[in-house]
């Protein structure tokens, strides 16, 4: 789980950095393919994290 959180934070950092760079260049985030791909990667990691948390919660019960 800790490795997943570390990966999630790293990918979020990459997404934020890319977003800041694009905004400084006045480039639309919604139309930028690399930004969208990175955003999807973060979304998948978040979903995986929530799935793991729910699974842990069920095991505790």
N, C-alpha and C. Protein backbone atom coordinates (compact mmCIF):
# COMPACT_ATOMS: atom_id res chain seq x y z
N UNK A 1 0.83 -1.20 0.00
CA UNK A 1 0.00 0.00 0.00
C UNK A 1 0.87 1.26 0.00
N UNK A 2 1.96 1.23 0.77
CA UNK A 2 2.84 2.40 0.82
C UNK A 2 3.45 2.69 -0.54
N UNK A 3 3.78 1.62 -1.28
CA UNK A 3 4.34 1.81 -2.61
C UNK A 3 3.32 2.46 -3.55
N UNK A 4 2.07 2.04 -3.42
CA UNK A 4 1.00 2.63 -4.23
C UNK A 4 0.85 4.12 -3.92
N UNK A 5 0.88 4.46 -2.64
CA UNK A 5 0.77 5.88 -2.26
C UNK A 5 1.95 6.69 -2.78
N UNK A 6 3.13 6.10 -2.71
CA UNK A 6 4.32 6.80 -3.21
C UNK A 6 4.20 7.02 -4.72
N UNK A 7 3.76 6.00 -5.44
CA UNK A 7 3.58 6.13 -6.89
C UNK A 7 2.50 7.17 -7.21
N UNK A 8 1.41 7.15 -6.46
CA UNK A 8 0.33 8.11 -6.67
C UNK A 8 0.84 9.54 -6.48
N UNK A 9 1.57 9.77 -5.41
CA UNK A 9 2.09 11.12 -5.16
C UNK A 9 3.07 11.56 -6.25
N UNK A 10 3.90 10.64 -6.72
CA UNK A 10 4.86 10.96 -7.78
C UNK A 10 4.12 11.32 -9.07
N UNK A 11 3.11 10.55 -9.42
CA UNK A 11 2.35 10.82 -10.65
C UNK A 11 1.54 12.10 -10.52
N UNK A 12 1.03 12.39 -9.34
CA UNK A 12 0.32 13.67 -9.13
C UNK A 12 1.28 14.84 -9.28
N UNK A 13 2.50 14.65 -8.76
CA UNK A 13 3.51 15.71 -8.88
C UNK A 13 3.81 15.97 -10.35
N UNK A 14 3.97 14.90 -11.14
CA UNK A 14 4.22 15.05 -12.57
C UNK A 14 3.07 15.77 -13.26
N UNK A 15 1.84 15.40 -12.89
CA UNK A 15 0.65 16.02 -13.49
C UNK A 15 0.60 17.51 -13.16
N UNK A 16 0.86 17.84 -11.90
CA UNK A 16 0.83 19.25 -11.49
C UNK A 16 1.91 20.06 -12.19
N UNK A 17 3.10 19.49 -12.30
CA UNK A 17 4.20 20.18 -12.97
C UNK A 17 3.87 20.43 -14.43
N UNK A 18 3.36 19.40 -15.10
CA UNK A 18 2.98 19.54 -16.50
C UNK A 18 1.87 20.58 -16.66
N UNK A 19 0.88 20.53 -15.79
CA UNK A 19 -0.21 21.49 -15.84
C UNK A 19 0.28 22.92 -15.68
N UNK A 20 1.18 23.14 -14.73
CA UNK A 20 1.72 24.48 -14.51
C UNK A 20 2.48 24.97 -15.74
N UNK A 21 3.27 24.08 -16.35
CA UNK A 21 4.02 24.45 -17.55
C UNK A 21 3.08 24.83 -18.70
N UNK A 22 2.03 24.05 -18.87
CA UNK A 22 1.09 24.33 -19.96
C UNK A 22 0.34 25.63 -19.72
N UNK A 23 -0.04 25.87 -18.48
CA UNK A 23 -0.75 27.12 -18.15
C UNK A 23 0.14 28.32 -18.42
N UNK A 24 1.41 28.23 -18.05
CA UNK A 24 2.35 29.33 -18.30
C UNK A 24 2.48 29.62 -19.79
N UNK A 25 2.32 28.56 -20.60
CA UNK A 25 2.42 28.72 -22.05
C UNK A 25 1.06 29.00 -22.70
N UNK A 26 0.03 29.18 -21.87
CA UNK A 26 -1.33 29.42 -22.34
C UNK A 26 -1.85 28.32 -23.26
N UNK A 27 -1.51 27.08 -22.90
CA UNK A 27 -1.96 25.92 -23.66
C UNK A 27 -3.12 25.27 -22.90
N UNK A 28 -4.17 24.95 -23.62
CA UNK A 28 -5.35 24.33 -23.01
C UNK A 28 -5.00 22.95 -22.46
N UNK A 29 -5.38 22.72 -21.22
CA UNK A 29 -5.13 21.42 -20.60
C UNK A 29 -5.99 20.33 -21.21
N UNK A 30 -7.22 20.67 -21.54
CA UNK A 30 -8.16 19.67 -22.06
C UNK A 30 -7.77 19.17 -23.45
N UNK A 31 -7.04 19.96 -24.17
CA UNK A 31 -6.66 19.57 -25.52
C UNK A 31 -5.26 18.99 -25.63
N UNK A 32 -4.56 18.88 -24.52
CA UNK A 32 -3.18 18.41 -24.55
C UNK A 32 -3.13 16.91 -24.24
N UNK A 33 -2.71 16.12 -25.21
CA UNK A 33 -2.74 14.67 -25.10
C UNK A 33 -1.91 14.13 -23.93
N UNK A 34 -0.71 14.62 -23.74
CA UNK A 34 0.16 14.14 -22.67
C UNK A 34 -0.46 14.44 -21.31
N UNK A 35 -1.04 15.62 -21.18
CA UNK A 35 -1.68 15.97 -19.92
C UNK A 35 -2.85 15.04 -19.63
N UNK A 36 -3.65 14.76 -20.65
CA UNK A 36 -4.80 13.88 -20.49
C UNK A 36 -4.38 12.46 -20.11
N UNK A 37 -3.31 11.97 -20.72
CA UNK A 37 -2.81 10.64 -20.40
C UNK A 37 -2.31 10.57 -18.96
N UNK A 38 -1.61 11.60 -18.52
CA UNK A 38 -1.11 11.64 -17.15
C UNK A 38 -2.27 11.73 -16.17
N UNK A 39 -3.27 12.48 -16.51
CA UNK A 39 -4.45 12.61 -15.67
C UNK A 39 -5.17 11.26 -15.52
N UNK A 40 -5.26 10.52 -16.61
CA UNK A 40 -5.88 9.20 -16.56
C UNK A 40 -5.07 8.24 -15.70
N UNK A 41 -3.75 8.35 -15.77
CA UNK A 41 -2.88 7.50 -14.95
C UNK A 41 -3.13 7.78 -13.47
N UNK A 42 -3.23 9.06 -13.11
CA UNK A 42 -3.51 9.44 -11.72
C UNK A 42 -4.88 8.93 -11.31
N UNK A 43 -5.86 9.09 -12.17
CA UNK A 43 -7.22 8.60 -11.87
C UNK A 43 -7.23 7.09 -11.61
N UNK A 44 -6.49 6.35 -12.40
CA UNK A 44 -6.43 4.90 -12.21
C UNK A 44 -5.78 4.54 -10.88
N UNK A 45 -4.73 5.26 -10.51
CA UNK A 45 -4.06 5.00 -9.24
C UNK A 45 -4.98 5.35 -8.06
N UNK A 46 -5.72 6.43 -8.19
CA UNK A 46 -6.67 6.82 -7.13
C UNK A 46 -7.74 5.74 -6.98
N UNK A 47 -8.26 5.26 -8.10
CA UNK A 47 -9.29 4.21 -8.05
C UNK A 47 -8.73 2.94 -7.41
N UNK A 48 -7.52 2.59 -7.75
CA UNK A 48 -6.88 1.41 -7.18
C UNK A 48 -6.69 1.59 -5.67
N UNK A 49 -6.28 2.77 -5.26
CA UNK A 49 -6.09 3.05 -3.84
C UNK A 49 -7.41 2.91 -3.08
N UNK A 50 -8.47 3.49 -3.61
CA UNK A 50 -9.78 3.41 -2.95
C UNK A 50 -10.29 1.97 -2.91
N UNK A 51 -10.02 1.21 -3.97
CA UNK A 51 -10.41 -0.19 -3.99
C UNK A 51 -9.68 -0.97 -2.89
N UNK A 52 -8.39 -0.70 -2.75
CA UNK A 52 -7.59 -1.38 -1.72
C UNK A 52 -8.07 -1.00 -0.32
N UNK A 53 -8.40 0.26 -0.13
CA UNK A 53 -8.89 0.72 1.18
C UNK A 53 -10.22 0.05 1.51
N UNK A 54 -11.11 -0.06 0.53
CA UNK A 54 -12.41 -0.70 0.76
C UNK A 54 -12.21 -2.18 1.08
N UNK A 55 -11.29 -2.81 0.40
CA UNK A 55 -11.00 -4.22 0.65
C UNK A 55 -10.47 -4.42 2.06
N UNK A 56 -9.58 -3.54 2.50
CA UNK A 56 -9.05 -3.61 3.86
C UNK A 56 -10.15 -3.41 4.90
N UNK A 57 -11.03 -2.48 4.62
CA UNK A 57 -12.11 -2.19 5.54
C UNK A 57 -13.04 -3.40 5.71
N UNK A 58 -13.29 -4.10 4.61
CA UNK A 58 -14.13 -5.30 4.66
C UNK A 58 -13.46 -6.40 5.46
N UNK A 59 -12.15 -6.52 5.35
CA UNK A 59 -11.41 -7.55 6.06
C UNK A 59 -11.42 -7.30 7.57
N UNK A 60 -11.47 -6.05 7.97
CA UNK A 60 -11.47 -5.69 9.38
C UNK A 60 -12.80 -6.10 10.02
N UNK A 61 -13.88 -6.01 9.27
CA UNK A 61 -15.20 -6.32 9.79
C UNK A 61 -15.35 -7.75 10.06
